[in-house]
Amino acid sequence: MLLAYRLVRLIESHSDGLARSLQRRYRECGKCSAYSNVPADELTDKVYDVYRHLGDWLLGKTEADIEKRYLEVGAQRAAQGVPVSQVVWMICLVRENLWDYLQKHAQLERPPEIFGEIELLELLDQFFHLAIYYAALGHERAMAGYSVKSEVLTH
């Protein structure tokens, strides 16, 4: 777990650059064309927040925290006219951007480091799978006219 913690700290300390590299990435991606409806600063701030506080998201937050955040993200993107397929793809790009960074900068070679990398990958996968599910659910609920803010959904 110590190595996973070191990798998370590496990511958090480079969160600004990671958020900027994601911005370049999605602008070049035809699968994210509707993100032109999302203010660039809004998207960059949300992505920066995930990268900057990754340790909290992976180890300190509960599924309920992820649910709350990504139901709102999905609903916001629906209101901005971003199709759910592009919301899902963007979350995948956030993860891919992060993983590419680790492969270039983490300099992992020894077996214990590989196990730490696998441990981090499992934590990341769990986080991003929940993020995708709840963002899609929030998007669907918004499109159906439901409020995502309340515990009991109202139509």
N, C-alpha and C. Protein backbone atom coordinates (compact mmCIF):
# COMPACT_ATOMS: atom_id res chain seq x y z
N MET A 1 0.82 -1.20 0.00
CA MET A 1 0.00 0.00 0.00
C MET A 1 0.87 1.26 0.00
N LEU A 2 2.09 1.15 0.53
CA LEU A 2 2.98 2.30 0.59
C LEU A 2 3.30 2.82 -0.81
N LEU A 3 3.55 1.91 -1.75
CA LEU A 3 3.86 2.34 -3.10
C LEU A 3 2.65 2.98 -3.76
N ALA A 4 1.48 2.41 -3.56
CA ALA A 4 0.26 3.01 -4.12
C ALA A 4 0.10 4.43 -3.58
N TYR A 5 0.38 4.61 -2.29
CA TYR A 5 0.30 5.94 -1.68
C TYR A 5 1.30 6.90 -2.35
N ARG A 6 2.53 6.42 -2.60
CA ARG A 6 3.54 7.25 -3.26
C ARG A 6 3.09 7.64 -4.68
N LEU A 7 2.48 6.71 -5.39
CA LEU A 7 2.00 7.00 -6.74
C LEU A 7 0.86 8.02 -6.71
N VAL A 8 -0.03 7.88 -5.74
CA VAL A 8 -1.13 8.84 -5.60
C VAL A 8 -0.57 10.22 -5.33
N ARG A 9 0.41 10.33 -4.47
CA ARG A 9 1.03 11.63 -4.15
C ARG A 9 1.70 12.22 -5.39
N LEU A 10 2.32 11.37 -6.20
CA LEU A 10 2.93 11.83 -7.46
C LEU A 10 1.86 12.45 -8.36
N ILE A 11 0.73 11.77 -8.47
CA ILE A 11 -0.37 12.28 -9.29
C ILE A 11 -0.89 13.59 -8.73
N GLU A 12 -1.12 13.63 -7.43
CA GLU A 12 -1.67 14.84 -6.81
C GLU A 12 -0.74 16.03 -7.00
N SER A 13 0.56 15.80 -6.90
CA SER A 13 1.51 16.91 -7.03
C SER A 13 1.63 17.40 -8.47
N HIS A 14 1.16 16.63 -9.43
CA HIS A 14 1.19 17.04 -10.84
C HIS A 14 -0.22 17.21 -11.41
N SER A 15 -1.17 17.47 -10.55
CA SER A 15 -2.58 17.53 -10.96
C SER A 15 -2.86 18.65 -11.96
N ASP A 16 -2.18 19.77 -11.82
CA ASP A 16 -2.41 20.89 -12.74
C ASP A 16 -2.00 20.50 -14.17
N GLY A 17 -0.83 19.94 -14.31
CA GLY A 17 -0.37 19.50 -15.63
C GLY A 17 -1.23 18.39 -16.20
N LEU A 18 -1.68 17.49 -15.34
CA LEU A 18 -2.57 16.41 -15.79
C LEU A 18 -3.88 16.97 -16.31
N ALA A 19 -4.44 17.95 -15.61
CA ALA A 19 -5.70 18.57 -16.06
C ALA A 19 -5.51 19.26 -17.40
N ARG A 20 -4.37 19.94 -17.58
CA ARG A 20 -4.10 20.61 -18.87
C ARG A 20 -3.90 19.60 -19.99
N SER A 21 -3.21 18.49 -19.70
CA SER A 21 -3.00 17.49 -20.75
C SER A 21 -4.32 16.84 -21.15
N LEU A 22 -5.22 16.69 -20.20
CA LEU A 22 -6.54 16.14 -20.53
C LEU A 22 -7.29 17.11 -21.45
N GLN A 23 -7.15 18.39 -21.18
CA GLN A 23 -7.82 19.40 -22.00
C GLN A 23 -7.38 19.27 -23.46
N ARG A 24 -6.09 19.13 -23.68
CA ARG A 24 -5.59 18.94 -25.06
C ARG A 24 -6.15 17.65 -25.64
N ARG A 25 -6.18 16.62 -24.84
CA ARG A 25 -6.61 15.30 -25.30
C ARG A 25 -8.07 15.29 -25.76
N TYR A 26 -8.96 15.86 -24.95
CA TYR A 26 -10.37 15.78 -25.32
C TYR A 26 -10.70 16.72 -26.48
N ARG A 27 -9.97 17.79 -26.62
CA ARG A 27 -10.22 18.70 -27.76
C ARG A 27 -9.87 18.03 -29.09
N GLU A 28 -8.93 17.11 -29.05
CA GLU A 28 -8.52 16.39 -30.26
C GLU A 28 -9.34 15.13 -30.50
N CYS A 29 -10.24 14.81 -29.58
CA CYS A 29 -10.99 13.56 -29.64
C CYS A 29 -12.39 13.80 -30.22
N GLY A 30 -12.67 13.18 -31.34
CA GLY A 30 -13.98 13.32 -31.96
C GLY A 30 -15.11 12.72 -31.13
N LYS A 31 -14.77 11.86 -30.19
CA LYS A 31 -15.79 11.23 -29.35
C LYS A 31 -16.24 12.14 -28.22
N CYS A 32 -15.69 13.34 -28.16
CA CYS A 32 -16.04 14.29 -27.09
C CYS A 32 -16.49 15.63 -27.67
N SER A 33 -17.00 15.63 -28.88
CA SER A 33 -17.32 16.88 -29.57
C SER A 33 -18.34 17.74 -28.83
N ALA A 34 -19.30 17.13 -28.13
CA ALA A 34 -20.33 17.90 -27.43
C ALA A 34 -19.78 18.62 -26.20
N TYR A 35 -18.56 18.28 -25.80
CA TYR A 35 -17.95 18.99 -24.68
C TYR A 35 -17.61 20.43 -25.03
N SER A 36 -17.79 20.81 -26.28
CA SER A 36 -17.66 22.23 -26.64
C SER A 36 -18.78 23.03 -25.97
N ASN A 37 -19.84 22.35 -25.52
CA ASN A 37 -20.93 23.00 -24.78
C ASN A 37 -20.59 23.24 -23.31
N VAL A 38 -19.50 22.64 -22.83
CA VAL A 38 -19.10 22.75 -21.43
C VAL A 38 -17.98 23.79 -21.34
N PRO A 39 -18.15 24.79 -20.48
CA PRO A 39 -17.06 25.77 -20.32
C PRO A 39 -15.76 25.05 -19.95
N ALA A 40 -14.68 25.39 -20.67
CA ALA A 40 -13.40 24.72 -20.48
C ALA A 40 -12.93 24.82 -19.02
N ASP A 41 -13.13 25.97 -18.40
CA ASP A 41 -12.70 26.14 -17.01
C ASP A 41 -13.46 25.21 -16.07
N GLU A 42 -14.75 25.02 -16.34
CA GLU A 42 -15.56 24.14 -15.49
C GLU A 42 -15.03 22.71 -15.55
N LEU A 43 -14.79 22.23 -16.75
CA LEU A 43 -14.30 20.87 -16.92
C LEU A 43 -12.90 20.72 -16.31
N THR A 44 -12.02 21.67 -16.60
CA THR A 44 -10.66 21.61 -16.07
C THR A 44 -10.67 21.62 -14.55
N ASP A 45 -11.52 22.46 -13.95
CA ASP A 45 -11.61 22.52 -12.49
C ASP A 45 -12.07 21.19 -11.89
N LYS A 46 -13.07 20.56 -12.51
CA LYS A 46 -13.57 19.28 -12.00
C LYS A 46 -12.51 18.19 -12.11
N VAL A 47 -11.83 18.16 -13.23
CA VAL A 47 -10.79 17.15 -13.44
C VAL A 47 -9.61 17.42 -12.50
N TYR A 48 -9.22 18.67 -12.37
CA TYR A 48 -8.14 19.03 -11.46
C TYR A 48 -8.49 18.57 -10.04
N ASP A 49 -9.73 18.78 -9.63
CA ASP A 49 -10.16 18.39 -8.29
C ASP A 49 -10.01 16.88 -8.07
N VAL A 50 -10.35 16.09 -9.07
CA VAL A 50 -10.21 14.63 -8.94
C VAL A 50 -8.73 14.27 -8.82
N TYR A 51 -7.90 14.81 -9.71
CA TYR A 51 -6.47 14.50 -9.67
C TYR A 51 -5.82 15.02 -8.38
N ARG A 52 -6.15 16.24 -7.99
CA ARG A 52 -5.52 16.87 -6.83
C ARG A 52 -5.88 16.17 -5.52
N HIS A 53 -7.07 15.60 -5.47
CA HIS A 53 -7.54 14.95 -4.25
C HIS A 53 -7.76 13.45 -4.47
N LEU A 54 -6.95 12.87 -5.34
CA LEU A 54 -7.13 11.47 -5.71
C LEU A 54 -7.05 10.54 -4.51
N GLY A 55 -6.15 10.80 -3.60
CA GLY A 55 -6.04 9.97 -2.40
C GLY A 55 -7.34 9.95 -1.62
N ASP A 56 -7.95 11.12 -1.47
CA ASP A 56 -9.25 11.19 -0.79
C ASP A 56 -10.31 10.40 -1.55
N TRP A 57 -10.33 10.55 -2.88
CA TRP A 57 -11.34 9.85 -3.68
C TRP A 57 -11.15 8.34 -3.61
N LEU A 58 -9.91 7.89 -3.59
CA LEU A 58 -9.65 6.45 -3.59
C LEU A 58 -9.76 5.82 -2.21
N LEU A 59 -9.35 6.54 -1.19
CA LEU A 59 -9.24 5.93 0.14
C LEU A 59 -10.17 6.54 1.18
N GLY A 60 -10.57 7.78 1.01
CA GLY A 60 -11.34 8.45 2.05
C GLY A 60 -12.82 8.61 1.76
N LYS A 61 -13.18 8.62 0.51
CA LYS A 61 -14.57 8.83 0.14
C LYS A 61 -15.30 7.50 0.05
N THR A 62 -16.58 7.57 0.32
CA THR A 62 -17.41 6.37 0.24
C THR A 62 -18.09 6.32 -1.13
N GLU A 63 -18.73 5.21 -1.39
CA GLU A 63 -19.51 5.12 -2.63
C GLU A 63 -20.59 6.19 -2.66
N ALA A 64 -21.15 6.52 -1.51
CA ALA A 64 -22.17 7.57 -1.46
C ALA A 64 -21.59 8.92 -1.89
N ASP A 65 -20.35 9.20 -1.54
CA ASP A 65 -19.71 10.45 -1.96
C ASP A 65 -19.52 10.48 -3.48
N ILE A 66 -19.08 9.36 -4.02
CA ILE A 66 -18.89 9.27 -5.48
C ILE A 66 -20.23 9.37 -6.17
N GLU A 67 -21.24 8.71 -5.62
CA GLU A 67 -22.59 8.77 -6.18
C GLU A 67 -23.08 10.21 -6.25
N LYS A 68 -22.97 10.93 -5.15
CA LYS A 68 -23.44 12.32 -5.10
C LYS A 68 -22.74 13.18 -6.15
N ARG A 69 -21.42 13.08 -6.20
CA ARG A 69 -20.64 13.89 -7.14
C ARG A 69 -21.00 13.58 -8.58
N TYR A 70 -21.07 12.30 -8.92
CA TYR A 70 -21.23 11.94 -10.33
C TYR A 70 -22.68 11.93 -10.79
N LEU A 71 -23.63 11.83 -9.89
CA LEU A 71 -25.02 12.08 -10.29
C LEU A 71 -25.14 13.54 -10.74
N GLU A 72 -24.50 14.43 -10.00
CA GLU A 72 -24.53 15.86 -10.36
C GLU A 72 -23.80 16.11 -11.68
N VAL A 73 -22.66 15.47 -11.87
CA VAL A 73 -21.91 15.63 -13.12
C VAL A 73 -22.76 15.17 -14.30
N GLY A 74 -23.37 14.00 -14.17
CA GLY A 74 -24.22 13.49 -15.25
C GLY A 74 -25.37 14.42 -15.56
N ALA A 75 -26.02 14.94 -14.51
CA ALA A 75 -27.15 15.86 -14.71
C ALA A 75 -26.68 17.16 -15.36
N GLN A 76 -25.52 17.67 -14.94
CA GLN A 76 -24.99 18.91 -15.54
C GLN A 76 -24.70 18.70 -17.02
N ARG A 77 -24.10 17.58 -17.34
CA ARG A 77 -23.77 17.33 -18.75
C ARG A 77 -25.05 17.15 -19.58
N ALA A 78 -26.07 16.53 -19.02
CA ALA A 78 -27.34 16.40 -19.74
C ALA A 78 -27.91 17.79 -20.03
N ALA A 79 -27.87 18.66 -19.03
CA ALA A 79 -28.38 20.03 -19.20
C ALA A 79 -27.56 20.81 -20.24
N GLN A 80 -26.30 20.43 -20.40
CA GLN A 80 -25.43 21.11 -21.36
C GLN A 80 -25.47 20.45 -22.74
N GLY A 81 -26.32 19.45 -22.90
CA GLY A 81 -26.48 18.80 -24.19
C GLY A 81 -25.39 17.81 -24.55
N VAL A 82 -24.69 17.29 -23.55
CA VAL A 82 -23.65 16.29 -23.80
C VAL A 82 -24.28 14.90 -23.70
N PRO A 83 -24.23 14.11 -24.77
CA PRO A 83 -24.80 12.77 -24.72
C PRO A 83 -24.10 11.89 -23.69
N VAL A 84 -24.83 10.95 -23.14
CA VAL A 84 -24.28 10.07 -22.11
C VAL A 84 -23.06 9.30 -22.62
N SER A 85 -23.05 8.94 -23.89
CA SER A 85 -21.89 8.22 -24.44
C SER A 85 -20.62 9.06 -24.32
N GLN A 86 -20.75 10.36 -24.51
CA GLN A 86 -19.59 11.24 -24.41
C GLN A 86 -19.19 11.49 -22.96
N VAL A 87 -20.16 11.47 -22.05
CA VAL A 87 -19.85 11.59 -20.63
C VAL A 87 -19.02 10.38 -20.20
N VAL A 88 -19.46 9.21 -20.60
CA VAL A 88 -18.73 7.98 -20.28
C VAL A 88 -17.33 8.03 -20.89
N TRP A 89 -17.24 8.44 -22.15
CA TRP A 89 -15.93 8.48 -22.81
C TRP A 89 -15.00 9.47 -22.11
N MET A 90 -15.52 10.60 -21.67
CA MET A 90 -14.69 11.58 -20.98
C MET A 90 -14.12 11.00 -19.69
N ILE A 91 -14.93 10.29 -18.94
CA ILE A 91 -14.42 9.68 -17.71
C ILE A 91 -13.33 8.66 -18.05
N CYS A 92 -13.52 7.93 -19.13
CA CYS A 92 -12.48 7.00 -19.58
C CYS A 92 -11.20 7.74 -19.97
N LEU A 93 -11.34 8.90 -20.61
CA LEU A 93 -10.17 9.71 -20.97
C LEU A 93 -9.44 10.23 -19.73
N VAL A 94 -10.19 10.61 -18.70
CA VAL A 94 -9.58 11.07 -17.46
C VAL A 94 -8.70 9.96 -16.88
N ARG A 95 -9.22 8.75 -16.88
CA ARG A 95 -8.47 7.60 -16.37
C ARG A 95 -7.27 7.29 -17.28
N GLU A 96 -7.48 7.27 -18.58
CA GLU A 96 -6.40 6.97 -19.54
C GLU A 96 -5.29 8.01 -19.43
N ASN A 97 -5.65 9.27 -19.28
CA ASN A 97 -4.68 10.35 -19.14
C ASN A 97 -3.82 10.12 -17.89
N LEU A 98 -4.45 9.72 -16.84
CA LEU A 98 -3.78 9.44 -15.58
C LEU A 98 -2.83 8.25 -15.73
N TRP A 99 -3.31 7.19 -16.34
CA TRP A 99 -2.50 6.00 -16.48
C TRP A 99 -1.31 6.24 -17.41
N ASP A 100 -1.51 6.99 -18.48
CA ASP A 100 -0.40 7.33 -19.38
C ASP A 100 0.67 8.12 -18.62
N TYR A 101 0.23 9.02 -17.78
CA TYR A 101 1.18 9.81 -16.98
C TYR A 101 2.01 8.89 -16.08
N LEU A 102 1.34 7.97 -15.40
CA LEU A 102 2.06 7.05 -14.51
C LEU A 102 3.06 6.19 -15.28
N GLN A 103 2.68 5.73 -16.44
CA GLN A 103 3.59 4.89 -17.22
C GLN A 103 4.83 5.67 -17.66
N LYS A 104 4.69 6.96 -17.90
CA LYS A 104 5.82 7.78 -18.33
C LYS A 104 6.68 8.27 -17.18
N HIS A 105 6.08 8.50 -16.01
CA HIS A 105 6.80 9.20 -14.95
C HIS A 105 7.03 8.42 -13.66
N ALA A 106 6.38 7.31 -13.47
CA ALA A 106 6.50 6.61 -12.18
C ALA A 106 7.77 5.77 -12.08
N GLN A 107 8.38 5.41 -13.19
CA GLN A 107 9.63 4.65 -13.21
C GLN A 107 9.55 3.40 -12.33
N LEU A 108 8.60 2.56 -12.66
CA LEU A 108 8.40 1.32 -11.90
C LEU A 108 9.09 0.18 -12.63
N GLU A 109 9.94 -0.55 -11.90
CA GLU A 109 10.67 -1.64 -12.53
C GLU A 109 10.73 -2.89 -11.67
N ARG A 110 10.84 -2.76 -10.37
CA ARG A 110 11.01 -3.92 -9.50
C ARG A 110 9.66 -4.57 -9.18
N PRO A 111 9.65 -5.86 -8.89
CA PRO A 111 8.39 -6.56 -8.60
C PRO A 111 7.53 -5.89 -7.52
N PRO A 112 8.08 -5.42 -6.39
CA PRO A 112 7.21 -4.76 -5.40
C PRO A 112 6.52 -3.53 -5.99
N GLU A 113 7.23 -2.84 -6.88
CA GLU A 113 6.63 -1.67 -7.51
C GLU A 113 5.50 -2.07 -8.44
N ILE A 114 5.67 -3.18 -9.13
CA ILE A 114 4.62 -3.67 -10.02
C ILE A 114 3.37 -4.01 -9.21
N PHE A 115 3.55 -4.65 -8.04
CA PHE A 115 2.40 -4.97 -7.19
C PHE A 115 1.72 -3.71 -6.70
N GLY A 116 2.51 -2.70 -6.38
CA GLY A 116 1.93 -1.42 -5.97
C GLY A 116 1.14 -0.78 -7.09
N GLU A 117 1.66 -0.91 -8.30
CA GLU A 117 0.97 -0.39 -9.48
C GLU A 117 -0.35 -1.13 -9.69
N ILE A 118 -0.34 -2.43 -9.52
CA ILE A 118 -1.57 -3.23 -9.67
C ILE A 118 -2.59 -2.83 -8.61
N GLU A 119 -2.11 -2.64 -7.39
CA GLU A 119 -3.00 -2.22 -6.30
C GLU A 119 -3.65 -0.87 -6.62
N LEU A 120 -2.85 0.05 -7.12
CA LEU A 120 -3.39 1.36 -7.49
C LEU A 120 -4.38 1.21 -8.64
N LEU A 121 -4.05 0.40 -9.62
CA LEU A 121 -4.95 0.18 -10.75
C LEU A 121 -6.30 -0.34 -10.28
N GLU A 122 -6.29 -1.26 -9.32
CA GLU A 122 -7.55 -1.78 -8.80
C GLU A 122 -8.37 -0.68 -8.12
N LEU A 123 -7.71 0.17 -7.34
CA LEU A 123 -8.41 1.29 -6.69
C LEU A 123 -8.96 2.26 -7.72
N LEU A 124 -8.15 2.56 -8.73
CA LEU A 124 -8.58 3.47 -9.80
C LEU A 124 -9.77 2.89 -10.56
N ASP A 125 -9.68 1.60 -10.89
CA ASP A 125 -10.78 0.96 -11.61
C ASP A 125 -12.08 1.04 -10.82
N GLN A 126 -12.00 0.74 -9.53
CA GLN A 126 -13.20 0.80 -8.70
C GLN A 126 -13.78 2.22 -8.70
N PHE A 127 -12.93 3.23 -8.54
CA PHE A 127 -13.39 4.62 -8.54
C PHE A 127 -14.02 4.99 -9.87
N PHE A 128 -13.32 4.73 -10.97
CA PHE A 128 -13.82 5.16 -12.27
C PHE A 128 -15.05 4.37 -12.71
N HIS A 129 -15.16 3.11 -12.34
CA HIS A 129 -16.37 2.35 -12.65
C HIS A 129 -17.58 2.96 -11.94
N LEU A 130 -17.41 3.31 -10.67
CA LEU A 130 -18.51 3.96 -9.95
C LEU A 130 -18.82 5.33 -10.55
N ALA A 131 -17.78 6.08 -10.91
CA ALA A 131 -17.99 7.40 -11.51
C ALA A 131 -18.78 7.28 -12.80
N ILE A 132 -18.44 6.33 -13.64
CA ILE A 132 -19.16 6.13 -14.90
C ILE A 132 -20.62 5.77 -14.62
N TYR A 133 -20.83 4.83 -13.74
CA TYR A 133 -22.20 4.40 -13.45
C TYR A 133 -23.05 5.57 -12.95
N TYR A 134 -22.55 6.30 -11.97
CA TYR A 134 -23.36 7.37 -11.38
C TYR A 134 -23.50 8.58 -12.30
N ALA A 135 -22.51 8.86 -13.11
CA ALA A 135 -22.65 9.95 -14.09
C ALA A 135 -23.71 9.58 -15.12
N ALA A 136 -23.69 8.35 -15.59
CA ALA A 136 -24.71 7.90 -16.55
C ALA A 136 -26.09 7.91 -15.91
N LEU A 137 -26.19 7.46 -14.66
CA LEU A 137 -27.47 7.47 -13.95
C LEU A 137 -27.98 8.89 -13.76
N GLY A 138 -27.09 9.80 -13.37
CA GLY A 138 -27.48 11.20 -13.21
C GLY A 138 -27.95 11.80 -14.53
N HIS A 139 -27.27 11.45 -15.61
CA HIS A 139 -27.65 11.92 -16.95
C HIS A 139 -29.03 11.39 -17.31
N GLU A 140 -29.24 10.09 -17.12
CA GLU A 140 -30.54 9.48 -17.43
C GLU A 140 -31.67 10.11 -16.63
N ARG A 141 -31.42 10.32 -15.34
CA ARG A 141 -32.45 10.92 -14.49
C ARG A 141 -32.76 12.34 -14.92
N ALA A 142 -31.73 13.09 -15.27
CA ALA A 142 -31.96 14.46 -15.72
C ALA A 142 -32.76 14.47 -17.02
N MET A 143 -32.44 13.56 -17.93
CA MET A 143 -33.17 13.49 -19.21
C MET A 143 -34.62 13.09 -19.00
N ALA A 144 -34.88 12.32 -17.94
CA ALA A 144 -36.24 11.89 -17.63
C ALA A 144 -37.00 12.91 -16.78
N GLY A 145 -36.29 13.99 -16.41
CA GLY A 145 -36.94 15.06 -15.65
C GLY A 145 -36.92 14.86 -14.15
N TYR A 146 -36.09 13.96 -13.67
CA TYR A 146 -35.99 13.73 -12.23
C TYR A 146 -34.93 14.64 -11.62
N SER A 147 -35.14 14.98 -10.37
CA SER A 147 -34.14 15.74 -9.62
C SER A 147 -33.10 14.76 -9.08
N VAL A 148 -31.82 15.10 -9.19
CA VAL A 148 -30.79 14.23 -8.65
C VAL A 148 -30.32 14.71 -7.28
N LYS A 149 -30.83 15.81 -6.82
CA LYS A 149 -30.38 16.39 -5.56
C LYS A 149 -31.02 15.71 -4.34
N SER A 150 -32.22 15.21 -4.48
CA SER A 150 -32.93 14.69 -3.31
C SER A 150 -32.78 13.18 -3.21
N GLU A 151 -32.93 12.68 -2.00
CA GLU A 151 -32.88 11.23 -1.77
C GLU A 151 -34.03 10.52 -2.45
N VAL A 152 -35.22 11.09 -2.33
CA VAL A 152 -36.40 10.52 -2.96
C VAL A 152 -36.59 11.26 -4.27
N LEU A 153 -36.53 10.54 -5.36
CA LEU A 153 -36.65 11.19 -6.66
C LEU A 153 -38.05 11.70 -6.89
N THR A 154 -38.11 12.92 -7.40
CA THR A 154 -39.42 13.51 -7.75
C THR A 154 -39.45 13.75 -9.23
N HIS A 155 -40.59 13.61 -9.78
CA HIS A 155 -40.74 13.80 -11.22
C HIS A 155 -41.36 15.14 -11.50
